[in-house]
């Protein structure tokens, strides 16, 4: 089994491909809370490489990302958005060719 996995994974993300494992660390939650409608909180199961956590590697539909910071664990990242989300907005987060639906918990005014 190990040799099969090694032969499958190495060509995709091995040393010769120039890619890193961090490209495959996938966020598990993406949420904006009513208390901070400009903060998109993204949680990872595994620590992403901090060098990959730059604004140019991510996009939020209909918005901009002004900064990205990590908490002390390196698992929870705050993406500060250029404009606050509003009730009813259905934004998405795009990274590495994947699109994720953001949970918008902003309440109606």
PDB file of N, CA and C in Angstrom:
ATOM      1  N   UNK A   1       0.817  -1.188   0.000  1.00  0.00           N
ATOM      2  CA  UNK A   1       0.000   0.000   0.000  1.00  0.00           C
ATOM      3  C   UNK A   1       0.869   1.263   0.000  1.00  0.00           C
ATOM      4  N   UNK A   2       1.926   1.276   0.817  1.00  0.00           N
ATOM      5  CA  UNK A   2       2.793   2.451   0.873  1.00  0.00           C
ATOM      6  C   UNK A   2       3.396   2.765  -0.492  1.00  0.00           C
ATOM      7  N   UNK A   3       3.848   1.718  -1.179  1.00  0.00           N
ATOM      8  CA  UNK A   3       4.476   1.962  -2.469  1.00  0.00           C
ATOM      9  C   UNK A   3       3.479   2.490  -3.487  1.00  0.00           C
ATOM     10  N   UNK A   4       2.228   2.026  -3.387  1.00  0.00           N
ATOM     11  CA  UNK A   4       1.196   2.521  -4.302  1.00  0.00           C
ATOM     12  C   UNK A   4       0.949   3.997  -4.038  1.00  0.00           C
ATOM     13  N   UNK A   5       0.774   4.363  -2.773  1.00  0.00           N
ATOM     14  CA  UNK A   5       0.559   5.773  -2.436  1.00  0.00           C
ATOM     15  C   UNK A   5       1.760   6.621  -2.831  1.00  0.00           C
ATOM     16  N   UNK A   6       2.948   6.114  -2.559  1.00  0.00           N
ATOM     17  CA  UNK A   6       4.167   6.849  -2.903  1.00  0.00           C
ATOM     18  C   UNK A   6       4.233   7.116  -4.405  1.00  0.00           C
ATOM     19  N   UNK A   7       3.882   6.123  -5.182  1.00  0.00           N
ATOM     20  CA  UNK A   7       3.932   6.272  -6.634  1.00  0.00           C
ATOM     21  C   UNK A   7       2.829   7.171  -7.173  1.00  0.00           C
ATOM     22  N   UNK A   8       1.718   7.248  -6.467  1.00  0.00           N
ATOM     23  CA  UNK A   8       0.617   8.110  -6.909  1.00  0.00           C
ATOM     24  C   UNK A   8       0.854   9.547  -6.472  1.00  0.00           C
ATOM     25  N   UNK A   9       1.254   9.734  -5.229  1.00  0.00           N
ATOM     26  CA  UNK A   9       1.387  11.076  -4.673  1.00  0.00           C
ATOM     27  C   UNK A   9       2.636  11.783  -5.188  1.00  0.00           C
ATOM     28  N   UNK A  10       3.770  11.112  -5.251  1.00  0.00           N
ATOM     29  CA  UNK A  10       5.017  11.766  -5.636  1.00  0.00           C
ATOM     30  C   UNK A  10       4.917  12.491  -6.977  1.00  0.00           C
ATOM     31  N   UNK A  11       4.324  11.883  -8.028  1.00  0.00           N
ATOM     32  CA  UNK A  11       4.258  12.631  -9.281  1.00  0.00           C
ATOM     33  C   UNK A  11       3.397  13.888  -9.190  1.00  0.00           C
ATOM     34  N   UNK A  12       2.427  13.893  -8.284  1.00  0.00           N
ATOM     35  CA  UNK A  12       1.534  15.041  -8.175  1.00  0.00           C
ATOM     36  C   UNK A  12       2.162  16.153  -7.349  1.00  0.00           C
ATOM     37  N   UNK A  13       2.709  15.807  -6.181  1.00  0.00           N
ATOM     38  CA  UNK A  13       3.242  16.842  -5.299  1.00  0.00           C
ATOM     39  C   UNK A  13       4.635  16.508  -4.786  1.00  0.00           C
ATOM     40  N   UNK A  14       5.360  15.703  -5.476  1.00  0.00           N
ATOM     41  CA  UNK A  14       6.697  15.309  -5.054  1.00  0.00           C
ATOM     42  C   UNK A  14       7.718  16.397  -5.268  1.00  0.00           C
ATOM     43  N   UNK A  15       8.929  16.098  -4.896  1.00  0.00           N
ATOM     44  CA  UNK A  15      10.015  17.073  -4.992  1.00  0.00           C
ATOM     45  C   UNK A  15      10.220  17.555  -6.419  1.00  0.00           C
ATOM     46  N   UNK A  16      10.063  16.655  -7.367  1.00  0.00           N
ATOM     47  CA  UNK A  16      10.325  17.054  -8.745  1.00  0.00           C
ATOM     48  C   UNK A  16       9.261  17.980  -9.316  1.00  0.00           C
ATOM     49  N   UNK A  17       8.073  18.017  -8.697  1.00  0.00           N
ATOM     50  CA  UNK A  17       7.001  18.860  -9.238  1.00  0.00           C
ATOM     51  C   UNK A  17       7.133  20.310  -8.802  1.00  0.00           C
ATOM     52  N   UNK A  18       7.928  20.574  -7.742  1.00  0.00           N
ATOM     53  CA  UNK A  18       8.094  21.938  -7.260  1.00  0.00           C
ATOM     54  C   UNK A  18       6.918  22.432  -6.430  1.00  0.00           C
ATOM     55  N   UNK A  19       5.963  21.564  -6.130  1.00  0.00           N
ATOM     56  CA  UNK A  19       4.802  21.950  -5.326  1.00  0.00           C
ATOM     57  C   UNK A  19       5.036  21.545  -3.880  1.00  0.00           C
ATOM     58  N   UNK A  20       4.252  22.132  -2.982  1.00  0.00           N
ATOM     59  CA  UNK A  20       4.392  21.801  -1.573  1.00  0.00           C
ATOM     60  C   UNK A  20       3.084  21.216  -1.046  1.00  0.00           C
ATOM     61  N   UNK A  21       3.205  20.525   0.079  1.00  0.00           N
ATOM     62  CA  UNK A  21       2.012  19.948   0.698  1.00  0.00           C
ATOM     63  C   UNK A  21       1.015  21.036   1.077  1.00  0.00           C
ATOM     64  N   UNK A  22       1.480  22.225   1.375  1.00  0.00           N
ATOM     65  CA  UNK A  22       0.579  23.286   1.821  1.00  0.00           C
ATOM     66  C   UNK A  22      -0.457  23.642   0.767  1.00  0.00           C
ATOM     67  N   UNK A  23      -0.183  23.366  -0.486  1.00  0.00           N
ATOM     68  CA  UNK A  23      -1.165  23.633  -1.536  1.00  0.00           C
ATOM     69  C   UNK A  23      -2.396  22.744  -1.360  1.00  0.00           C
ATOM     70  N   UNK A  24      -2.250  21.680  -0.590  1.00  0.00           N
ATOM     71  CA  UNK A  24      -3.338  20.724  -0.441  1.00  0.00           C
ATOM     72  C   UNK A  24      -3.968  20.768   0.938  1.00  0.00           C
ATOM     73  N   UNK A  25      -3.557  21.715   1.772  1.00  0.00           N
ATOM     74  CA  UNK A  25      -4.225  21.907   3.049  1.00  0.00           C
ATOM     75  C   UNK A  25      -5.489  22.678   2.771  1.00  0.00           C
ATOM     76  N   UNK A  26      -6.592  22.074   3.068  1.00  0.00           N
ATOM     77  CA  UNK A  26      -7.888  22.630   2.699  1.00  0.00           C
ATOM     78  C   UNK A  26      -8.563  23.223   3.929  1.00  0.00           C
ATOM     79  N   UNK A  27      -9.092  24.443   3.808  1.00  0.00           N
ATOM     80  CA  UNK A  27      -9.821  25.010   4.934  1.00  0.00           C
ATOM     81  C   UNK A  27     -11.065  24.173   5.227  1.00  0.00           C
ATOM     82  N   UNK A  28     -11.441  24.088   6.525  1.00  0.00           N
ATOM     83  CA  UNK A  28     -12.612  23.278   6.878  1.00  0.00           C
ATOM     84  C   UNK A  28     -13.830  24.110   7.261  1.00  0.00           C
ATOM     85  N   UNK A  29     -13.629  25.354   7.707  1.00  0.00           N
ATOM     86  CA  UNK A  29     -14.764  26.247   7.951  1.00  0.00           C
ATOM     87  C   UNK A  29     -14.419  27.641   7.472  1.00  0.00           C
ATOM     88  N   UNK A  30     -15.437  28.351   7.042  1.00  0.00           N
ATOM     89  CA  UNK A  30     -15.302  29.724   6.533  1.00  0.00           C
ATOM     90  C   UNK A  30     -16.548  30.453   6.973  1.00  0.00           C
ATOM     91  N   UNK A  31     -16.401  31.392   7.896  1.00  0.00           N
ATOM     92  CA  UNK A  31     -17.581  32.030   8.473  1.00  0.00           C
ATOM     93  C   UNK A  31     -17.337  33.508   8.750  1.00  0.00           C
ATOM     94  N   UNK A  32     -18.393  34.301   8.570  1.00  0.00           N
ATOM     95  CA  UNK A  32     -18.399  35.710   8.959  1.00  0.00           C
ATOM     96  C   UNK A  32     -19.508  35.855   9.994  1.00  0.00           C
ATOM     97  N   UNK A  33     -19.158  36.394  11.156  1.00  0.00           N
ATOM     98  CA  UNK A  33     -20.121  36.555  12.245  1.00  0.00           C
ATOM     99  C   UNK A  33     -20.684  37.976  12.253  1.00  0.00           C
ATOM    100  N   UNK A  34     -21.865  38.119  12.809  1.00  0.00           N
ATOM    101  CA  UNK A  34     -22.546  39.407  12.884  1.00  0.00           C
ATOM    102  C   UNK A  34     -21.721  40.437  13.646  1.00  0.00           C
ATOM    103  N   UNK A  35     -21.009  40.020  14.684  1.00  0.00           N
ATOM    104  CA  UNK A  35     -20.232  40.947  15.520  1.00  0.00           C
ATOM    105  C   UNK A  35     -19.057  41.582  14.769  1.00  0.00           C
ATOM    106  N   UNK A  36     -18.587  40.938  13.708  1.00  0.00           N
ATOM    107  CA  UNK A  36     -17.445  41.466  12.954  1.00  0.00           C
ATOM    108  C   UNK A  36     -17.646  41.150  11.470  1.00  0.00           C
ATOM    109  N   UNK A  37     -18.519  41.900  10.791  1.00  0.00           N
ATOM    110  CA  UNK A  37     -18.877  41.559   9.408  1.00  0.00           C
ATOM    111  C   UNK A  37     -17.774  41.789   8.366  1.00  0.00           C
ATOM    112  N   UNK A  38     -16.632  42.326   8.793  1.00  0.00           N
ATOM    113  CA  UNK A  38     -15.502  42.449   7.862  1.00  0.00           C
ATOM    114  C   UNK A  38     -14.466  41.355   8.083  1.00  0.00           C
ATOM    115  N   UNK A  39     -14.694  40.479   9.053  1.00  0.00           N
ATOM    116  CA  UNK A  39     -13.726  39.424   9.359  1.00  0.00           C
ATOM    117  C   UNK A  39     -14.237  38.068   8.893  1.00  0.00           C
ATOM    118  N   UNK A  40     -13.548  37.501   7.932  1.00  0.00           N
ATOM    119  CA  UNK A  40     -13.810  36.134   7.493  1.00  0.00           C
ATOM    120  C   UNK A  40     -12.874  35.243   8.287  1.00  0.00           C
ATOM    121  N   UNK A  41     -13.443  34.336   9.087  1.00  0.00           N
ATOM    122  CA  UNK A  41     -12.646  33.432   9.906  1.00  0.00           C
ATOM    123  C   UNK A  41     -12.548  32.091   9.175  1.00  0.00           C
ATOM    124  N   UNK A  42     -11.323  31.698   8.851  1.00  0.00           N
ATOM    125  CA  UNK A  42     -11.072  30.451   8.116  1.00  0.00           C
ATOM    126  C   UNK A  42     -10.300  29.520   9.043  1.00  0.00           C
ATOM    127  N   UNK A  43     -10.829  28.320   9.240  1.00  0.00           N
ATOM    128  CA  UNK A  43     -10.207  27.340  10.122  1.00  0.00           C
ATOM    129  C   UNK A  43      -9.675  26.174   9.292  1.00  0.00           C
ATOM    130  N   UNK A  44      -8.478  25.745   9.625  1.00  0.00           N
ATOM    131  CA  UNK A  44      -7.821  24.622   8.949  1.00  0.00           C
ATOM    132  C   UNK A  44      -7.657  23.466   9.926  1.00  0.00           C
ATOM    133  N   UNK A  45      -7.695  22.236   9.435  1.00  0.00           N
ATOM    134  CA  UNK A  45      -7.437  21.054  10.257  1.00  0.00           C
ATOM    135  C   UNK A  45      -5.933  20.895  10.486  1.00  0.00           C
ATOM    136  N   UNK A  46      -5.129  21.299   9.509  1.00  0.00           N
ATOM    137  CA  UNK A  46      -3.674  21.250   9.600  1.00  0.00           C
ATOM    138  C   UNK A  46      -3.132  22.650   9.343  1.00  0.00           C
ATOM    139  N   UNK A  47      -2.036  22.988  10.002  1.00  0.00           N
ATOM    140  CA  UNK A  47      -1.459  24.316   9.835  1.00  0.00           C
ATOM    141  C   UNK A  47      -1.005  24.533   8.399  1.00  0.00           C
ATOM    142  N   UNK A  48      -1.515  25.570   7.770  1.00  0.00           N
ATOM    143  CA  UNK A  48      -0.981  25.905   6.443  1.00  0.00           C
ATOM    144  C   UNK A  48       0.383  26.573   6.581  1.00  0.00           C
ATOM    145  N   UNK A  49       1.119  26.561   5.515  1.00  0.00           N
ATOM    146  CA  UNK A  49       2.410  27.221   5.479  1.00  0.00           C
ATOM    147  C   UNK A  49       2.168  28.735   5.511  1.00  0.00           C
ATOM    148  N   UNK A  50       2.675  29.452   6.512  1.00  0.00           N
ATOM    149  CA  UNK A  50       2.445  30.901   6.575  1.00  0.00           C
ATOM    150  C   UNK A  50       2.847  31.645   5.311  1.00  0.00           C
ATOM    151  N   UNK A  51       3.854  31.157   4.608  1.00  0.00           N
ATOM    152  CA  UNK A  51       4.287  31.809   3.366  1.00  0.00           C
ATOM    153  C   UNK A  51       3.206  31.753   2.283  1.00  0.00           C
ATOM    154  N   UNK A  52       2.303  30.777   2.383  1.00  0.00           N
ATOM    155  CA  UNK A  52       1.220  30.653   1.404  1.00  0.00           C
ATOM    156  C   UNK A  52       0.004  31.506   1.765  1.00  0.00           C
ATOM    157  N   UNK A  53      -0.018  32.021   2.989  1.00  0.00           N
ATOM    158  CA  UNK A  53      -1.186  32.752   3.475  1.00  0.00           C
ATOM    159  C   UNK A  53      -1.045  34.248   3.190  1.00  0.00           C
ATOM    160  N   UNK A  54      -1.023  34.590   1.922  1.00  0.00           N
ATOM    161  CA  UNK A  54      -0.939  35.978   1.496  1.00  0.00           C
ATOM    162  C   UNK A  54      -2.186  36.327   0.698  1.00  0.00           C
ATOM    163  N   UNK A  55      -2.552  37.586   0.710  1.00  0.00           N
ATOM    164  CA  UNK A  55      -3.811  38.003   0.094  1.00  0.00           C
ATOM    165  C   UNK A  55      -3.906  37.637  -1.382  1.00  0.00           C
ATOM    166  N   UNK A  56      -2.791  37.608  -2.086  1.00  0.00           N
ATOM    167  CA  UNK A  56      -2.811  37.290  -3.508  1.00  0.00           C
ATOM    168  C   UNK A  56      -3.170  35.845  -3.827  1.00  0.00           C
ATOM    169  N   UNK A  57      -3.124  34.965  -2.840  1.00  0.00           N
ATOM    170  CA  UNK A  57      -3.467  33.559  -3.053  1.00  0.00           C
ATOM    171  C   UNK A  57      -4.936  33.256  -2.829  1.00  0.00           C
ATOM    172  N   UNK A  58      -5.724  34.276  -2.470  1.00  0.00           N
ATOM    173  CA  UNK A  58      -7.133  34.084  -2.140  1.00  0.00           C
ATOM    174  C   UNK A  58      -7.982  35.163  -2.803  1.00  0.00           C
ATOM    175  N   UNK A  59      -9.244  34.839  -3.000  1.00  0.00           N
ATOM    176  CA  UNK A  59     -10.201  35.831  -3.504  1.00  0.00           C
ATOM    177  C   UNK A  59     -11.543  35.580  -2.840  1.00  0.00           C
ATOM    178  N   UNK A  60     -12.221  36.653  -2.481  1.00  0.00           N
ATOM    179  CA  UNK A  60     -13.579  36.577  -1.954  1.00  0.00           C
ATOM    180  C   UNK A  60     -14.472  37.279  -2.959  1.00  0.00           C
ATOM    181  N   UNK A  61     -15.478  36.576  -3.427  1.00  0.00           N
ATOM    182  CA  UNK A  61     -16.351  37.135  -4.463  1.00  0.00           C
ATOM    183  C   UNK A  61     -16.975  38.451  -4.003  1.00  0.00           C
ATOM    184  N   UNK A  62     -16.918  39.446  -4.872  1.00  0.00           N
ATOM    185  CA  UNK A  62     -17.527  40.744  -4.591  1.00  0.00           C
ATOM    186  C   UNK A  62     -16.846  41.538  -3.501  1.00  0.00           C
ATOM    187  N   UNK A  63     -15.609  41.195  -3.151  1.00  0.00           N
ATOM    188  CA  UNK A  63     -14.936  41.878  -2.059  1.00  0.00           C
ATOM    189  C   UNK A  63     -13.420  41.817  -2.280  1.00  0.00           C
ATOM    190  N   UNK A  64     -12.702  42.493  -1.420  1.00  0.00           N
ATOM    191  CA  UNK A  64     -11.245  42.432  -1.436  1.00  0.00           C
ATOM    192  C   UNK A  64     -10.778  41.925  -0.077  1.00  0.00           C
ATOM    193  N   UNK A  65      -9.556  41.434  -0.027  1.00  0.00           N
ATOM    194  CA  UNK A  65      -8.953  41.005   1.234  1.00  0.00           C
ATOM    195  C   UNK A  65      -7.812  41.965   1.516  1.00  0.00           C
ATOM    196  N   UNK A  66      -7.912  42.686   2.643  1.00  0.00           N
ATOM    197  CA  UNK A  66      -6.874  43.668   2.947  1.00  0.00           C
ATOM    198  C   UNK A  66      -5.741  43.087   3.781  1.00  0.00           C
ATOM    199  N   UNK A  67      -6.018  42.051   4.574  1.00  0.00           N
ATOM    200  CA  UNK A  67      -4.947  41.417   5.348  1.00  0.00           C
ATOM    201  C   UNK A  67      -5.384  40.030   5.798  1.00  0.00           C
ATOM    202  N   UNK A  68      -4.383  39.219   6.162  1.00  0.00           N
ATOM    203  CA  UNK A  68      -4.623  37.871   6.673  1.00  0.00           C
ATOM    204  C   UNK A  68      -3.702  37.677   7.867  1.00  0.00           C
ATOM    205  N   UNK A  69      -4.267  37.261   9.010  1.00  0.00           N
ATOM    206  CA  UNK A  69      -3.461  37.018  10.207  1.00  0.00           C
ATOM    207  C   UNK A  69      -3.886  35.697  10.844  1.00  0.00           C
ATOM    208  N   UNK A  70      -2.950  35.085  11.564  1.00  0.00           N
ATOM    209  CA  UNK A  70      -3.211  33.815  12.234  1.00  0.00           C
ATOM    210  C   UNK A  70      -3.354  34.013  13.730  1.00  0.00           C
ATOM    211  N   UNK A  71      -4.091  33.086  14.359  1.00  0.00           N
ATOM    212  CA  UNK A  71      -4.130  33.068  15.815  1.00  0.00           C
ATOM    213  C   UNK A  71      -2.888  32.333  16.308  1.00  0.00           C
ATOM    214  N   UNK A  72      -2.762  32.135  17.602  1.00  0.00           N
ATOM    215  CA  UNK A  72      -1.585  31.490  18.178  1.00  0.00           C
ATOM    216  C   UNK A  72      -1.399  30.042  17.772  1.00  0.00           C
ATOM    217  N   UNK A  73      -2.476  29.354  17.388  1.00  0.00           N
ATOM    218  CA  UNK A  73      -2.361  27.943  17.008  1.00  0.00           C
ATOM    219  C   UNK A  73      -1.913  27.762  15.565  1.00  0.00           C
ATOM    220  N   UNK A  74      -2.094  28.784  14.746  1.00  0.00           N
ATOM    221  CA  UNK A  74      -1.796  28.672  13.325  1.00  0.00           C
ATOM    222  C   UNK A  74      -2.868  27.938  12.545  1.00  0.00           C
ATOM    223  N   UNK A  75      -3.973  27.595  13.209  1.00  0.00           N
ATOM    224  CA  UNK A  75      -5.070  26.880  12.561  1.00  0.00           C
ATOM    225  C   UNK A  75      -6.233  27.791  12.188  1.00  0.00           C
ATOM    226  N   UNK A  76      -6.348  28.922  12.883  1.00  0.00           N
ATOM    227  CA  UNK A  76      -7.463  29.848  12.649  1.00  0.00           C
ATOM    228  C   UNK A  76      -6.891  31.143  12.093  1.00  0.00           C
ATOM    229  N   UNK A  77      -7.386  31.515  10.906  1.00  0.00           N
ATOM    230  CA  UNK A  77      -6.883  32.684  10.191  1.00  0.00           C
ATOM    231  C   UNK A  77      -8.006  33.683   9.999  1.00  0.00           C
ATOM    232  N   UNK A  78      -7.718  34.956  10.221  1.00  0.00           N
ATOM    233  CA  UNK A  78      -8.690  36.023  10.016  1.00  0.00           C
ATOM    234  C   UNK A  78      -8.331  36.769   8.734  1.00  0.00           C
ATOM    235  N   UNK A  79      -9.272  36.767   7.803  1.00  0.00           N
ATOM    236  CA  UNK A  79      -9.132  37.504   6.555  1.00  0.00           C
ATOM    237  C   UNK A  79      -9.941  38.784   6.734  1.00  0.00           C
ATOM    238  N   UNK A  80      -9.286  39.932   6.744  1.00  0.00           N
ATOM    239  CA  UNK A  80      -9.997  41.202   6.882  1.00  0.00           C
ATOM    240  C   UNK A  80     -10.452  41.634   5.490  1.00  0.00           C
ATOM    241  N   UNK A  81     -11.778  41.787   5.346  1.00  0.00           N
ATOM    242  CA  UNK A  81     -12.367  42.142   4.059  1.00  0.00           C
ATOM    243  C   UNK A  81     -12.417  43.658   3.881  1.00  0.00           C
ATOM    244  N   UNK A  82     -12.378  44.091   2.639  1.00  0.00           N
ATOM    245  CA  UNK A  82     -12.421  45.520   2.324  1.00  0.00           C
ATOM    246  C   UNK A  82     -13.740  46.169   2.688  1.00  0.00           C
ATOM    247  N   UNK A  83     -14.843  45.442   2.563  1.00  0.00           N
ATOM    248  CA  UNK A  83     -16.162  45.953   2.935  1.00  0.00           C
ATOM    249  C   UNK A  83     -16.897  44.899   3.746  1.00  0.00           C
ATOM    250  N   UNK A  84     -17.753  45.362   4.631  1.00  0.00           N
ATOM    251  CA  UNK A  84     -18.519  44.454   5.491  1.00  0.00           C
ATOM    252  C   UNK A  84     -19.528  43.652   4.676  1.00  0.00           C
ATOM    253  N   UNK A  85     -19.700  42.389   5.063  1.00  0.00           N
ATOM    254  CA  UNK A  85     -20.759  41.596   4.453  1.00  0.00           C
ATOM    255  C   UNK A  85     -22.097  42.069   5.002  1.00  0.00           C
ATOM    256  N   UNK A  86     -23.115  41.929   4.216  1.00  0.00           N
ATOM    257  CA  UNK A  86     -24.466  42.301   4.610  1.00  0.00           C
ATOM    258  C   UNK A  86     -25.333  41.058   4.712  1.00  0.00           C
ATOM    259  N   UNK A  87     -26.422  41.188   5.420  1.00  0.00           N
ATOM    260  CA  UNK A  87     -27.390  40.097   5.507  1.00  0.00           C
ATOM    261  C   UNK A  87     -27.807  39.684   4.101  1.00  0.00           C
ATOM    262  N   UNK A  88     -27.801  38.407   3.836  1.00  0.00           N
ATOM    263  CA  UNK A  88     -28.229  37.902   2.537  1.00  0.00           C
ATOM    264  C   UNK A  88     -27.107  37.730   1.531  1.00  0.00           C
ATOM    265  N   UNK A  89     -25.929  38.328   1.778  1.00  0.00           N
ATOM    266  CA  UNK A  89     -24.795  38.113   0.878  1.00  0.00           C
ATOM    267  C   UNK A  89     -24.415  36.633   0.905  1.00  0.00           C
ATOM    268  N   UNK A  90     -24.024  36.112  -0.243  1.00  0.00           N
ATOM    269  CA  UNK A  90     -23.613  34.701  -0.351  1.00  0.00           C
ATOM    270  C   UNK A  90     -22.231  34.627  -1.003  1.00  0.00           C
ATOM    271  N   UNK A  91     -21.207  35.088  -0.296  1.00  0.00           N
ATOM    272  CA  UNK A  91     -19.873  35.139  -0.890  1.00  0.00           C
ATOM    273  C   UNK A  91     -19.215  33.763  -0.949  1.00  0.00           C
ATOM    274  N   UNK A  92     -18.175  33.674  -1.769  1.00  0.00           N
ATOM    275  CA  UNK A  92     -17.359  32.470  -1.859  1.00  0.00           C
ATOM    276  C   UNK A  92     -15.896  32.845  -1.681  1.00  0.00           C
ATOM    277  N   UNK A  93     -15.125  31.883  -1.212  1.00  0.00           N
ATOM    278  CA  UNK A  93     -13.681  32.024  -1.080  1.00  0.00           C
ATOM    279  C   UNK A  93     -13.054  31.133  -2.139  1.00  0.00           C
ATOM    280  N   UNK A  94     -12.138  31.693  -2.915  1.00  0.00           N
ATOM    281  CA  UNK A  94     -11.446  30.920  -3.953  1.00  0.00           C
ATOM    282  C   UNK A  94      -9.963  30.881  -3.637  1.00  0.00           C
ATOM    283  N   UNK A  95      -9.390  29.668  -3.700  1.00  0.00           N
ATOM    284  CA  UNK A  95      -7.963  29.482  -3.513  1.00  0.00           C
ATOM    285  C   UNK A  95      -7.530  28.194  -4.193  1.00  0.00           C
ATOM    286  N   UNK A  96      -6.384  28.227  -4.826  1.00  0.00           N
ATOM    287  CA  UNK A  96      -5.818  27.048  -5.489  1.00  0.00           C
ATOM    288  C   UNK A  96      -6.804  26.373  -6.436  1.00  0.00           C
ATOM    289  N   UNK A  97      -7.671  27.149  -7.064  1.00  0.00           N
ATOM    290  CA  UNK A  97      -8.626  26.598  -8.017  1.00  0.00           C
ATOM    291  C   UNK A  97      -9.877  26.006  -7.394  1.00  0.00           C
ATOM    292  N   UNK A  98     -10.002  26.064  -6.075  1.00  0.00           N
ATOM    293  CA  UNK A  98     -11.177  25.548  -5.385  1.00  0.00           C
ATOM    294  C   UNK A  98     -12.037  26.712  -4.910  1.00  0.00           C
ATOM    295  N   UNK A  99     -13.351  26.510  -4.914  1.00  0.00           N
ATOM    296  CA  UNK A  99     -14.292  27.539  -4.475  1.00  0.00           C
ATOM    297  C   UNK A  99     -15.064  26.995  -3.277  1.00  0.00           C
ATOM    298  N   UNK A 100     -15.111  27.785  -2.191  1.00  0.00           N
ATOM    299  CA  UNK A 100     -15.783  27.391  -0.959  1.00  0.00           C
ATOM    300  C   UNK A 100     -16.868  28.398  -0.624  1.00  0.00           C
ATOM    301  N   UNK A 101     -18.045  27.912  -0.226  1.00  0.00           N
ATOM    302  CA  UNK A 101     -19.131  28.787   0.209  1.00  0.00           C
ATOM    303  C   UNK A 101     -18.829  29.295   1.613  1.00  0.00           C
ATOM    304  N   UNK A 102     -18.953  30.587   1.806  1.00  0.00           N
ATOM    305  CA  UNK A 102     -18.733  31.200   3.109  1.00  0.00           C
ATOM    306  C   UNK A 102     -20.058  31.249   3.861  1.00  0.00           C
ATOM    307  N   UNK A 103     -20.038  30.821   5.121  1.00  0.00           N
ATOM    308  CA  UNK A 103     -21.223  30.920   5.958  1.00  0.00           C
ATOM    309  C   UNK A 103     -21.337  32.365   6.429  1.00  0.00           C
ATOM    310  N   UNK A 104     -22.424  33.012   6.066  1.00  0.00           N
ATOM    311  CA  UNK A 104     -22.651  34.409   6.422  1.00  0.00           C
ATOM    312  C   UNK A 104     -23.663  34.454   7.561  1.00  0.00           C
ATOM    313  N   UNK A 105     -23.192  34.776   8.774  1.00  0.00           N
ATOM    314  CA  UNK A 105     -24.067  34.864   9.943  1.00  0.00           C
ATOM    315  C   UNK A 105     -24.443  36.304  10.289  1.00  0.00           C
ATOM    316  N   UNK A 106     -24.317  37.206   9.320  1.00  0.00           N
ATOM    317  CA  UNK A 106     -24.731  38.600   9.538  1.00  0.00           C
ATOM    318  C   UNK A 106     -26.250  38.626   9.555  1.00  0.00           C
ATOM    319  N   UNK A 107     -26.815  39.238  10.586  1.00  0.00           N
ATOM    320  CA  UNK A 107     -28.278  39.258  10.736  1.00  0.00           C
ATOM    321  C   UNK A 107     -28.899  40.463  10.032  1.00  0.00           C
ATOM    322  N   UNK A 108     -30.172  40.344   9.807  1.00  0.00           N
ATOM    323  CA  UNK A 108     -30.942  41.421   9.175  1.00  0.00           C
ATOM    324  C   UNK A 108     -30.975  42.630  10.091  1.00  0.00           C
ATOM    325  N   UNK A 109     -30.832  43.849   9.534  1.00  0.00           N
ATOM    326  CA  UNK A 109     -30.865  45.068  10.379  1.00  0.00           C
ATOM    327  C   UNK A 109     -32.234  45.305  10.968  1.00  0.00           C
TER     328      UNK A 109
END
